[in-house]
């Protein structure tokens, strides 16, 4: 998803991680147009892509939660684009 978004604006995608206390955070930031409507991001089978299934984000969040973690997607604060944050316990 990040690569598709960044391609729209010829932006970059950055991937990184950090340890925070009792968890590990993995983040993916893109320089795409950002997320226009966040209300349905994690709704199963909801998609804005013509060939999308709408299962990817919902399944990813479910897997993260099954491991005691979380998955969130937000717009970047001071730049265009979005950031996906996966938090997992250590």
N, C-alpha and C. Protein backbone atom coordinates (compact mmCIF):
# COMPACT_ATOMS: atom_id res chain seq x y z
N UNK A 1 0.82 -1.19 0.00
CA UNK A 1 0.00 0.00 0.00
C UNK A 1 0.86 1.25 0.00
N UNK A 2 1.92 1.26 0.81
CA UNK A 2 2.80 2.43 0.89
C UNK A 2 3.47 2.72 -0.44
N UNK A 3 3.93 1.68 -1.10
CA UNK A 3 4.60 1.86 -2.39
C UNK A 3 3.61 2.41 -3.42
N UNK A 4 2.40 1.87 -3.46
CA UNK A 4 1.39 2.38 -4.38
C UNK A 4 1.11 3.86 -4.13
N UNK A 5 1.00 4.24 -2.86
CA UNK A 5 0.73 5.64 -2.52
C UNK A 5 1.89 6.54 -2.90
N UNK A 6 3.10 6.11 -2.63
CA UNK A 6 4.28 6.92 -2.95
C UNK A 6 4.46 7.08 -4.46
N UNK A 7 4.08 6.08 -5.22
CA UNK A 7 4.20 6.17 -6.67
C UNK A 7 3.33 7.29 -7.25
N UNK A 8 2.19 7.55 -6.59
CA UNK A 8 1.29 8.60 -7.07
C UNK A 8 1.97 9.97 -7.06
N UNK A 9 2.86 10.20 -6.11
CA UNK A 9 3.49 11.52 -5.96
C UNK A 9 4.99 11.46 -6.19
N UNK A 10 5.48 10.32 -6.68
CA UNK A 10 6.92 10.11 -6.89
C UNK A 10 7.70 10.30 -5.58
N UNK A 11 7.08 9.92 -4.48
CA UNK A 11 7.69 10.07 -3.16
C UNK A 11 8.46 8.83 -2.75
N UNK A 12 8.97 8.87 -1.55
CA UNK A 12 9.77 7.78 -0.99
C UNK A 12 8.97 6.99 0.03
N UNK A 13 9.49 5.81 0.35
CA UNK A 13 8.96 4.98 1.42
C UNK A 13 10.11 4.69 2.38
N UNK A 14 9.89 4.93 3.66
CA UNK A 14 10.91 4.66 4.68
C UNK A 14 10.39 3.58 5.62
N UNK A 15 11.27 2.66 5.98
CA UNK A 15 10.93 1.57 6.90
C UNK A 15 11.93 1.60 8.04
N UNK A 16 11.44 1.46 9.26
CA UNK A 16 12.34 1.47 10.41
C UNK A 16 11.71 0.78 11.60
N UNK A 17 12.47 0.73 12.68
CA UNK A 17 11.97 0.12 13.91
C UNK A 17 12.66 0.78 15.10
N UNK A 18 12.05 0.63 16.26
CA UNK A 18 12.63 1.14 17.50
C UNK A 18 12.09 0.32 18.67
N UNK A 19 12.90 0.23 19.71
CA UNK A 19 12.48 -0.43 20.94
C UNK A 19 11.96 0.63 21.90
N UNK A 20 10.82 0.36 22.51
CA UNK A 20 10.25 1.30 23.48
C UNK A 20 9.80 0.52 24.70
N UNK A 21 10.58 0.55 25.74
CA UNK A 21 10.21 -0.14 26.97
C UNK A 21 9.97 -1.62 26.76
N UNK A 22 8.72 -2.02 26.80
CA UNK A 22 8.38 -3.45 26.69
C UNK A 22 7.85 -3.83 25.32
N UNK A 23 8.07 -2.98 24.31
CA UNK A 23 7.58 -3.31 22.97
C UNK A 23 8.58 -2.93 21.89
N UNK A 24 8.31 -3.43 20.71
CA UNK A 24 9.06 -3.08 19.51
C UNK A 24 8.07 -2.45 18.54
N UNK A 25 8.46 -1.31 17.96
CA UNK A 25 7.60 -0.63 16.99
C UNK A 25 8.25 -0.70 15.61
N UNK A 26 7.49 -1.13 14.65
CA UNK A 26 7.94 -1.16 13.26
C UNK A 26 7.07 -0.15 12.51
N UNK A 27 7.72 0.76 11.79
CA UNK A 27 6.96 1.78 11.10
C UNK A 27 7.32 1.84 9.62
N UNK A 28 6.32 2.19 8.83
CA UNK A 28 6.47 2.38 7.39
C UNK A 28 5.84 3.72 7.07
N UNK A 29 6.66 4.64 6.54
CA UNK A 29 6.18 5.97 6.19
C UNK A 29 6.27 6.16 4.68
N UNK A 30 5.23 6.75 4.10
CA UNK A 30 5.29 7.05 2.68
C UNK A 30 5.09 8.54 2.46
N UNK A 31 5.40 8.99 1.27
CA UNK A 31 5.22 10.39 0.89
C UNK A 31 4.12 10.52 -0.16
N UNK A 32 3.10 9.68 -0.02
CA UNK A 32 1.96 9.71 -0.93
C UNK A 32 0.99 10.81 -0.56
N UNK A 33 -0.23 10.73 -1.06
CA UNK A 33 -1.22 11.77 -0.80
C UNK A 33 -1.83 11.73 0.60
N UNK A 34 -1.54 10.71 1.37
CA UNK A 34 -2.15 10.57 2.69
C UNK A 34 -3.43 9.77 2.62
N UNK A 35 -4.07 9.61 3.76
CA UNK A 35 -5.29 8.82 3.87
C UNK A 35 -6.47 9.79 3.91
N UNK A 36 -7.33 9.71 2.92
CA UNK A 36 -8.45 10.64 2.83
C UNK A 36 -9.57 10.30 3.82
N UNK A 37 -9.92 9.02 3.93
CA UNK A 37 -11.01 8.61 4.80
C UNK A 37 -10.53 7.44 5.64
N UNK A 38 -10.32 7.68 6.92
CA UNK A 38 -9.79 6.64 7.80
C UNK A 38 -10.88 5.77 8.43
N UNK A 39 -12.13 6.13 8.25
CA UNK A 39 -13.22 5.43 8.94
C UNK A 39 -13.32 3.96 8.58
N UNK A 40 -13.03 3.60 7.34
CA UNK A 40 -13.22 2.22 6.89
C UNK A 40 -11.92 1.46 6.66
N UNK A 41 -10.80 1.99 7.12
CA UNK A 41 -9.51 1.37 6.84
C UNK A 41 -9.43 -0.11 7.21
N UNK A 42 -9.96 -0.45 8.37
CA UNK A 42 -9.81 -1.81 8.88
C UNK A 42 -11.11 -2.62 8.79
N UNK A 43 -12.06 -2.14 8.00
CA UNK A 43 -13.32 -2.87 7.79
C UNK A 43 -13.06 -3.96 6.75
N UNK A 44 -13.31 -5.23 7.11
CA UNK A 44 -13.07 -6.31 6.16
C UNK A 44 -13.87 -6.12 4.87
N UNK A 45 -13.21 -6.37 3.76
CA UNK A 45 -13.78 -6.34 2.41
C UNK A 45 -14.09 -4.93 1.90
N UNK A 46 -13.73 -3.89 2.65
CA UNK A 46 -13.86 -2.52 2.14
C UNK A 46 -12.58 -2.18 1.39
N UNK A 47 -12.71 -1.70 0.18
CA UNK A 47 -11.53 -1.33 -0.61
C UNK A 47 -11.84 -0.12 -1.48
N UNK A 48 -10.82 0.64 -1.77
CA UNK A 48 -10.95 1.76 -2.71
C UNK A 48 -10.24 1.44 -4.02
N UNK A 49 -9.63 0.26 -4.08
CA UNK A 49 -8.88 -0.14 -5.28
C UNK A 49 -9.76 -1.02 -6.17
N UNK A 50 -9.70 -0.80 -7.48
CA UNK A 50 -10.55 -1.58 -8.39
C UNK A 50 -10.32 -3.09 -8.29
N UNK A 51 -9.10 -3.51 -8.06
CA UNK A 51 -8.80 -4.94 -7.98
C UNK A 51 -8.49 -5.38 -6.56
N UNK A 52 -8.84 -4.58 -5.56
CA UNK A 52 -8.54 -4.91 -4.17
C UNK A 52 -9.57 -5.84 -3.57
N UNK A 53 -9.15 -6.59 -2.56
CA UNK A 53 -10.07 -7.49 -1.86
C UNK A 53 -10.57 -6.87 -0.56
N UNK A 54 -9.83 -5.90 -0.02
CA UNK A 54 -10.23 -5.28 1.23
C UNK A 54 -9.94 -6.12 2.45
N UNK A 55 -9.13 -7.13 2.32
CA UNK A 55 -8.85 -8.01 3.45
C UNK A 55 -7.48 -7.75 4.08
N UNK A 56 -6.57 -7.11 3.37
CA UNK A 56 -5.19 -6.96 3.82
C UNK A 56 -5.02 -6.26 5.15
N UNK A 57 -5.57 -5.06 5.30
CA UNK A 57 -5.39 -4.31 6.55
C UNK A 57 -6.16 -4.96 7.70
N UNK A 58 -7.36 -5.44 7.43
CA UNK A 58 -8.15 -6.08 8.48
C UNK A 58 -7.44 -7.33 9.00
N UNK A 59 -6.91 -8.13 8.10
CA UNK A 59 -6.20 -9.34 8.50
C UNK A 59 -4.89 -9.00 9.22
N UNK A 60 -4.19 -8.00 8.74
CA UNK A 60 -2.93 -7.59 9.38
C UNK A 60 -3.17 -7.13 10.81
N UNK A 61 -4.22 -6.35 11.02
CA UNK A 61 -4.53 -5.89 12.39
C UNK A 61 -4.92 -7.07 13.27
N UNK A 62 -5.70 -7.99 12.74
CA UNK A 62 -6.12 -9.16 13.52
C UNK A 62 -4.91 -10.00 13.94
N UNK A 63 -3.95 -10.17 13.05
CA UNK A 63 -2.74 -10.93 13.37
C UNK A 63 -1.93 -10.20 14.44
N UNK A 64 -1.79 -8.89 14.30
CA UNK A 64 -1.05 -8.10 15.30
C UNK A 64 -1.70 -8.24 16.67
N UNK A 65 -3.02 -8.13 16.73
CA UNK A 65 -3.73 -8.23 18.00
C UNK A 65 -3.65 -9.63 18.59
N UNK A 66 -3.61 -10.67 17.75
CA UNK A 66 -3.48 -12.04 18.23
C UNK A 66 -2.14 -12.27 18.92
N UNK A 67 -1.16 -11.43 18.58
CA UNK A 67 0.16 -11.52 19.20
C UNK A 67 0.35 -10.48 20.30
N UNK A 68 -0.75 -9.88 20.75
CA UNK A 68 -0.69 -8.90 21.83
C UNK A 68 -0.24 -7.52 21.38
N UNK A 69 -0.32 -7.26 20.09
CA UNK A 69 0.14 -5.98 19.56
C UNK A 69 -0.98 -5.15 18.97
N UNK A 70 -0.57 -4.18 18.16
CA UNK A 70 -1.55 -3.30 17.52
C UNK A 70 -1.01 -2.83 16.18
N UNK A 71 -1.91 -2.39 15.33
CA UNK A 71 -1.56 -1.84 14.02
C UNK A 71 -2.40 -0.59 13.81
N UNK A 72 -1.75 0.51 13.46
CA UNK A 72 -2.48 1.75 13.20
C UNK A 72 -1.96 2.41 11.93
N UNK A 73 -2.81 3.17 11.29
CA UNK A 73 -2.45 3.97 10.12
C UNK A 73 -2.92 5.39 10.35
N UNK A 74 -2.03 6.34 10.18
CA UNK A 74 -2.37 7.75 10.36
C UNK A 74 -1.69 8.57 9.29
N UNK A 75 -2.17 9.78 9.11
CA UNK A 75 -1.49 10.71 8.23
C UNK A 75 -0.28 11.28 8.95
N UNK A 76 0.77 11.55 8.20
CA UNK A 76 1.97 12.15 8.78
C UNK A 76 1.65 13.56 9.25
N UNK A 77 2.30 13.99 10.33
CA UNK A 77 2.00 15.29 10.94
C UNK A 77 2.48 16.48 10.11
N UNK A 78 3.74 16.49 9.73
CA UNK A 78 4.33 17.68 9.10
C UNK A 78 4.69 17.49 7.63
N UNK A 79 4.27 16.37 7.05
CA UNK A 79 4.61 16.07 5.67
C UNK A 79 3.40 15.39 5.02
N UNK A 80 3.42 15.31 3.69
CA UNK A 80 2.38 14.54 3.02
C UNK A 80 2.67 13.06 3.23
N UNK A 81 1.65 12.26 3.15
CA UNK A 81 1.82 10.82 3.28
C UNK A 81 1.21 10.26 4.54
N UNK A 82 1.45 8.99 4.74
CA UNK A 82 0.88 8.26 5.87
C UNK A 82 1.96 7.44 6.55
N UNK A 83 1.64 7.00 7.76
CA UNK A 83 2.56 6.12 8.49
C UNK A 83 1.76 4.95 9.06
N UNK A 84 2.28 3.75 8.84
CA UNK A 84 1.73 2.53 9.45
C UNK A 84 2.63 2.18 10.62
N UNK A 85 2.03 1.91 11.77
CA UNK A 85 2.79 1.60 12.97
C UNK A 85 2.32 0.26 13.53
N UNK A 86 3.23 -0.70 13.55
CA UNK A 86 2.98 -2.02 14.11
C UNK A 86 3.73 -2.11 15.43
N UNK A 87 3.00 -2.30 16.53
CA UNK A 87 3.60 -2.43 17.86
C UNK A 87 3.41 -3.86 18.34
N UNK A 88 4.51 -4.48 18.76
CA UNK A 88 4.46 -5.85 19.27
C UNK A 88 5.19 -5.92 20.60
N UNK A 89 4.69 -6.73 21.53
CA UNK A 89 5.40 -6.88 22.80
C UNK A 89 6.72 -7.62 22.59
N UNK A 90 7.67 -7.33 23.45
CA UNK A 90 8.98 -7.98 23.37
C UNK A 90 8.95 -9.36 23.96
